[in-house]
Amino acid sequence: SSGINAEYGQQLKIIDEHSLRVTVDGGGCSGFQYNFEIDDSVGSEDVVFERDGVQIITDKISLDFLAGSTIEFHEELIRSSFRVVNNPNAEEGCSCGVSFSVKID
């Protein structure tokens, strides 16, 4: 199961009650990359997670890469963003935290 931290929920509620779509695509410096966008549409191939009235939408293919991860909101001096942390399916990631390589057992 995936997790949502409390700060994530507060930030998403500020964005006018919309949902956050998280997908995984090929690319980035490590092979795969996380993509985040505000979205309200849920397709037939989508999976929706909800906690405290806040929703994450992802597709079934991305879910295989995200299973067991936590999505959090991170603030730094130069930027604030959503990010995926503690991904048991990721072996390595780049310093920006957006791309990762898949753990092969």
N, C-alpha and C. Protein backbone atom coordinates (compact mmCIF):
# COMPACT_ATOMS: atom_id res chain seq x y z
N SER A 1 0.84 -1.18 0.00
CA SER A 1 0.00 0.00 0.00
C SER A 1 0.88 1.23 0.00
N SER A 2 0.40 2.29 -0.58
CA SER A 2 1.15 3.53 -0.67
C SER A 2 0.73 4.45 0.45
N GLY A 3 1.62 5.38 0.82
CA GLY A 3 1.33 6.31 1.90
C GLY A 3 1.27 7.74 1.42
N ILE A 4 0.61 8.56 2.23
CA ILE A 4 0.50 10.00 1.97
C ILE A 4 0.86 10.69 3.28
N ASN A 5 1.86 11.58 3.28
CA ASN A 5 2.18 12.23 4.53
C ASN A 5 1.25 13.42 4.78
N ALA A 6 1.19 13.88 6.02
CA ALA A 6 0.25 14.93 6.40
C ALA A 6 0.51 16.24 5.66
N GLU A 7 1.76 16.60 5.47
CA GLU A 7 2.10 17.84 4.76
C GLU A 7 1.60 17.79 3.32
N TYR A 8 1.69 16.62 2.68
CA TYR A 8 1.17 16.44 1.34
C TYR A 8 -0.32 16.77 1.33
N GLY A 9 -1.04 16.24 2.28
CA GLY A 9 -2.48 16.46 2.34
C GLY A 9 -2.82 17.93 2.49
N GLN A 10 -2.10 18.62 3.33
CA GLN A 10 -2.36 20.05 3.52
C GLN A 10 -2.08 20.84 2.25
N GLN A 11 -0.99 20.54 1.56
CA GLN A 11 -0.66 21.25 0.33
C GLN A 11 -1.69 20.98 -0.76
N LEU A 12 -2.15 19.75 -0.88
CA LEU A 12 -3.11 19.44 -1.92
C LEU A 12 -4.46 20.09 -1.62
N LYS A 13 -4.84 20.19 -0.36
CA LYS A 13 -6.09 20.86 -0.01
C LYS A 13 -6.04 22.33 -0.37
N ILE A 14 -4.87 22.93 -0.32
CA ILE A 14 -4.70 24.32 -0.71
C ILE A 14 -4.96 24.49 -2.21
N ILE A 15 -4.69 23.46 -2.99
CA ILE A 15 -4.84 23.52 -4.45
C ILE A 15 -6.30 23.27 -4.82
N ASP A 16 -7.21 23.84 -4.06
CA ASP A 16 -8.63 23.88 -4.40
C ASP A 16 -9.27 22.50 -4.56
N GLU A 17 -8.92 21.57 -3.65
CA GLU A 17 -9.57 20.27 -3.61
C GLU A 17 -9.38 19.41 -4.86
N HIS A 18 -8.33 19.61 -5.60
CA HIS A 18 -8.04 18.78 -6.77
C HIS A 18 -7.25 17.54 -6.34
N SER A 19 -7.07 16.63 -7.28
CA SER A 19 -6.30 15.42 -7.03
C SER A 19 -4.91 15.54 -7.65
N LEU A 20 -3.99 14.75 -7.13
CA LEU A 20 -2.64 14.72 -7.67
C LEU A 20 -2.48 13.43 -8.45
N ARG A 21 -2.11 13.55 -9.73
CA ARG A 21 -1.81 12.38 -10.56
C ARG A 21 -0.31 12.14 -10.50
N VAL A 22 0.07 10.92 -10.16
CA VAL A 22 1.47 10.52 -10.10
C VAL A 22 1.65 9.38 -11.10
N THR A 23 2.57 9.57 -12.03
CA THR A 23 2.85 8.53 -13.01
C THR A 23 4.35 8.28 -13.08
N VAL A 24 4.71 7.15 -13.65
CA VAL A 24 6.10 6.80 -13.87
C VAL A 24 6.28 6.60 -15.36
N ASP A 25 7.26 7.30 -15.94
CA ASP A 25 7.57 7.20 -17.36
C ASP A 25 9.04 6.84 -17.53
N GLY A 26 9.37 6.26 -18.67
CA GLY A 26 10.76 6.03 -19.01
C GLY A 26 11.44 7.36 -19.25
N GLY A 27 12.68 7.50 -18.78
CA GLY A 27 13.42 8.74 -18.98
C GLY A 27 14.14 9.16 -17.73
N GLY A 28 14.63 10.36 -17.72
CA GLY A 28 15.39 10.85 -16.59
C GLY A 28 16.80 10.30 -16.61
N CYS A 29 17.62 10.72 -15.69
CA CYS A 29 19.02 10.30 -15.70
C CYS A 29 19.24 8.89 -15.16
N SER A 30 18.22 8.28 -14.54
CA SER A 30 18.39 6.94 -13.99
C SER A 30 17.53 5.87 -14.67
N GLY A 31 16.77 6.25 -15.70
CA GLY A 31 15.99 5.26 -16.45
C GLY A 31 14.49 5.46 -16.38
N PHE A 32 13.97 5.84 -15.20
CA PHE A 32 12.55 6.11 -15.02
C PHE A 32 12.41 7.42 -14.26
N GLN A 33 11.27 8.08 -14.45
CA GLN A 33 11.07 9.33 -13.73
C GLN A 33 9.63 9.45 -13.25
N TYR A 34 9.48 10.11 -12.10
CA TYR A 34 8.16 10.39 -11.54
C TYR A 34 7.62 11.66 -12.18
N ASN A 35 6.33 11.67 -12.47
CA ASN A 35 5.66 12.86 -12.97
C ASN A 35 4.49 13.18 -12.07
N PHE A 36 4.33 14.46 -11.76
CA PHE A 36 3.25 14.92 -10.90
C PHE A 36 2.45 15.98 -11.64
N GLU A 37 1.13 15.88 -11.59
CA GLU A 37 0.29 16.94 -12.15
C GLU A 37 -1.04 16.97 -11.42
N ILE A 38 -1.65 18.13 -11.39
CA ILE A 38 -2.97 18.29 -10.79
C ILE A 38 -3.98 17.81 -11.82
N ASP A 39 -4.90 16.94 -11.40
CA ASP A 39 -5.83 16.32 -12.34
C ASP A 39 -7.10 15.93 -11.60
N ASP A 40 -8.22 16.00 -12.27
CA ASP A 40 -9.49 15.59 -11.67
C ASP A 40 -10.12 14.43 -12.42
N SER A 41 -9.56 14.04 -13.56
CA SER A 41 -10.19 12.99 -14.36
C SER A 41 -9.64 11.62 -13.95
N VAL A 42 -10.55 10.67 -13.79
CA VAL A 42 -10.18 9.31 -13.44
C VAL A 42 -10.64 8.40 -14.57
N GLY A 43 -9.68 7.73 -15.22
CA GLY A 43 -9.98 6.84 -16.33
C GLY A 43 -10.22 5.42 -15.86
N SER A 44 -10.65 4.58 -16.78
CA SER A 44 -10.97 3.19 -16.44
C SER A 44 -9.73 2.39 -16.03
N GLU A 45 -8.55 2.81 -16.44
CA GLU A 45 -7.30 2.11 -16.08
C GLU A 45 -6.61 2.75 -14.87
N ASP A 46 -7.26 3.71 -14.23
CA ASP A 46 -6.66 4.42 -13.10
C ASP A 46 -7.00 3.76 -11.77
N VAL A 47 -6.13 4.00 -10.80
CA VAL A 47 -6.33 3.56 -9.43
C VAL A 47 -6.29 4.82 -8.57
N VAL A 48 -7.22 4.95 -7.62
CA VAL A 48 -7.31 6.13 -6.78
C VAL A 48 -7.09 5.73 -5.32
N PHE A 49 -6.20 6.47 -4.64
CA PHE A 49 -5.97 6.31 -3.21
C PHE A 49 -6.46 7.57 -2.53
N GLU A 50 -7.04 7.42 -1.36
CA GLU A 50 -7.55 8.59 -0.64
C GLU A 50 -7.21 8.48 0.83
N ARG A 51 -6.83 9.62 1.40
CA ARG A 51 -6.59 9.72 2.84
C ARG A 51 -6.98 11.11 3.29
N ASP A 52 -7.80 11.19 4.30
CA ASP A 52 -8.26 12.47 4.86
C ASP A 52 -8.84 13.38 3.79
N GLY A 53 -9.57 12.81 2.83
CA GLY A 53 -10.22 13.60 1.79
C GLY A 53 -9.32 14.04 0.66
N VAL A 54 -8.08 13.57 0.64
CA VAL A 54 -7.12 13.94 -0.40
C VAL A 54 -6.89 12.72 -1.29
N GLN A 55 -6.87 12.93 -2.61
CA GLN A 55 -6.74 11.81 -3.54
C GLN A 55 -5.45 11.85 -4.35
N ILE A 56 -4.90 10.64 -4.58
CA ILE A 56 -3.82 10.43 -5.53
C ILE A 56 -4.38 9.54 -6.62
N ILE A 57 -4.14 9.90 -7.86
CA ILE A 57 -4.56 9.10 -9.01
C ILE A 57 -3.30 8.58 -9.69
N THR A 58 -3.29 7.32 -10.05
CA THR A 58 -2.19 6.76 -10.83
C THR A 58 -2.76 5.70 -11.77
N ASP A 59 -2.00 5.32 -12.76
CA ASP A 59 -2.44 4.26 -13.66
C ASP A 59 -1.89 2.93 -13.16
N LYS A 60 -2.46 1.84 -13.68
CA LYS A 60 -2.09 0.51 -13.19
C LYS A 60 -0.62 0.16 -13.47
N ILE A 61 -0.08 0.64 -14.57
CA ILE A 61 1.33 0.37 -14.88
C ILE A 61 2.25 1.11 -13.91
N SER A 62 1.96 2.39 -13.66
CA SER A 62 2.76 3.16 -12.71
C SER A 62 2.66 2.60 -11.31
N LEU A 63 1.50 2.04 -10.97
CA LEU A 63 1.30 1.49 -9.63
C LEU A 63 2.31 0.39 -9.32
N ASP A 64 2.68 -0.39 -10.32
CA ASP A 64 3.69 -1.43 -10.10
C ASP A 64 5.02 -0.84 -9.65
N PHE A 65 5.36 0.35 -10.15
CA PHE A 65 6.61 1.01 -9.77
C PHE A 65 6.48 1.77 -8.45
N LEU A 66 5.25 2.17 -8.08
CA LEU A 66 5.02 3.01 -6.90
C LEU A 66 4.60 2.23 -5.67
N ALA A 67 4.21 0.98 -5.82
CA ALA A 67 3.67 0.19 -4.70
C ALA A 67 4.62 0.20 -3.51
N GLY A 68 4.09 0.54 -2.34
CA GLY A 68 4.88 0.58 -1.12
C GLY A 68 5.56 1.90 -0.85
N SER A 69 5.44 2.86 -1.77
CA SER A 69 6.10 4.16 -1.63
C SER A 69 5.25 5.12 -0.80
N THR A 70 5.88 6.20 -0.41
CA THR A 70 5.19 7.31 0.26
C THR A 70 5.35 8.55 -0.60
N ILE A 71 4.27 9.31 -0.74
CA ILE A 71 4.32 10.59 -1.45
C ILE A 71 4.30 11.68 -0.39
N GLU A 72 5.25 12.59 -0.48
CA GLU A 72 5.32 13.66 0.49
C GLU A 72 5.53 15.00 -0.20
N PHE A 73 5.27 16.06 0.56
CA PHE A 73 5.53 17.41 0.08
C PHE A 73 6.80 17.87 0.76
N HIS A 74 7.76 18.34 -0.04
CA HIS A 74 9.07 18.70 0.48
C HIS A 74 9.34 20.17 0.18
N GLU A 75 9.79 20.90 1.19
CA GLU A 75 10.12 22.31 0.99
C GLU A 75 11.61 22.53 1.22
N GLU A 76 12.23 23.22 0.28
CA GLU A 76 13.62 23.62 0.38
C GLU A 76 13.69 25.12 0.17
N LEU A 77 14.85 25.66 0.35
CA LEU A 77 15.03 27.09 0.17
C LEU A 77 14.73 27.52 -1.27
N ILE A 78 15.12 26.69 -2.25
CA ILE A 78 14.95 27.08 -3.65
C ILE A 78 13.72 26.51 -4.34
N ARG A 79 13.03 25.53 -3.69
CA ARG A 79 11.83 24.99 -4.33
C ARG A 79 10.99 24.21 -3.32
N SER A 80 9.75 24.01 -3.68
CA SER A 80 8.83 23.17 -2.94
C SER A 80 8.19 22.23 -3.95
N SER A 81 8.05 20.95 -3.60
CA SER A 81 7.51 20.01 -4.57
C SER A 81 7.01 18.74 -3.89
N PHE A 82 6.17 18.02 -4.62
CA PHE A 82 5.79 16.68 -4.21
C PHE A 82 6.91 15.74 -4.63
N ARG A 83 7.10 14.66 -3.89
CA ARG A 83 8.10 13.68 -4.28
C ARG A 83 7.74 12.30 -3.72
N VAL A 84 8.30 11.30 -4.33
CA VAL A 84 8.12 9.91 -3.90
C VAL A 84 9.33 9.52 -3.07
N VAL A 85 9.09 8.99 -1.88
CA VAL A 85 10.18 8.56 -1.01
C VAL A 85 9.93 7.12 -0.56
N ASN A 86 10.98 6.50 -0.07
CA ASN A 86 10.90 5.13 0.46
C ASN A 86 10.28 4.16 -0.54
N ASN A 87 10.71 4.26 -1.78
CA ASN A 87 10.18 3.37 -2.82
C ASN A 87 10.95 2.05 -2.79
N PRO A 88 10.30 0.96 -2.37
CA PRO A 88 10.99 -0.32 -2.29
C PRO A 88 11.32 -0.91 -3.66
N ASN A 89 10.78 -0.33 -4.73
CA ASN A 89 11.02 -0.81 -6.08
C ASN A 89 12.17 -0.08 -6.77
N ALA A 90 12.69 0.96 -6.13
CA ALA A 90 13.76 1.77 -6.71
C ALA A 90 15.11 1.37 -6.10
N GLU A 91 16.08 1.19 -6.99
CA GLU A 91 17.41 0.83 -6.52
C GLU A 91 18.28 2.07 -6.31
N GLU A 92 18.30 2.92 -7.30
CA GLU A 92 19.10 4.13 -7.24
C GLU A 92 18.27 5.28 -7.74
N GLY A 93 18.63 6.46 -7.35
CA GLY A 93 17.97 7.66 -7.84
C GLY A 93 18.98 8.76 -8.06
N CYS A 94 18.56 9.77 -8.79
CA CYS A 94 19.46 10.89 -9.00
C CYS A 94 19.31 11.88 -7.84
N SER A 95 20.17 12.84 -7.77
CA SER A 95 20.17 13.77 -6.65
C SER A 95 18.92 14.66 -6.62
N CYS A 96 18.26 14.84 -7.77
CA CYS A 96 17.06 15.68 -7.79
C CYS A 96 15.85 14.94 -7.23
N GLY A 97 15.92 13.60 -7.10
CA GLY A 97 14.83 12.84 -6.54
C GLY A 97 13.69 12.55 -7.50
N VAL A 98 13.85 12.89 -8.76
CA VAL A 98 12.79 12.70 -9.75
C VAL A 98 12.95 11.40 -10.53
N SER A 99 14.18 10.98 -10.78
CA SER A 99 14.38 9.77 -11.55
C SER A 99 14.99 8.66 -10.69
N PHE A 100 14.79 7.42 -11.16
CA PHE A 100 15.27 6.27 -10.41
C PHE A 100 15.48 5.10 -11.35
N SER A 101 16.25 4.12 -10.88
CA SER A 101 16.37 2.86 -11.61
C SER A 101 15.60 1.80 -10.82
N VAL A 102 15.11 0.81 -11.54
CA VAL A 102 14.28 -0.23 -10.94
C VAL A 102 15.14 -1.29 -10.29
N LYS A 103 14.75 -1.70 -9.10
CA LYS A 103 15.43 -2.77 -8.37
C LYS A 103 15.08 -4.10 -9.05
N ILE A 104 16.11 -4.85 -9.41
CA ILE A 104 15.91 -6.15 -10.05
C ILE A 104 16.33 -7.22 -9.06
N ASP A 105 15.40 -8.10 -8.72
CA ASP A 105 15.69 -9.16 -7.75
C ASP A 105 16.36 -10.33 -8.38
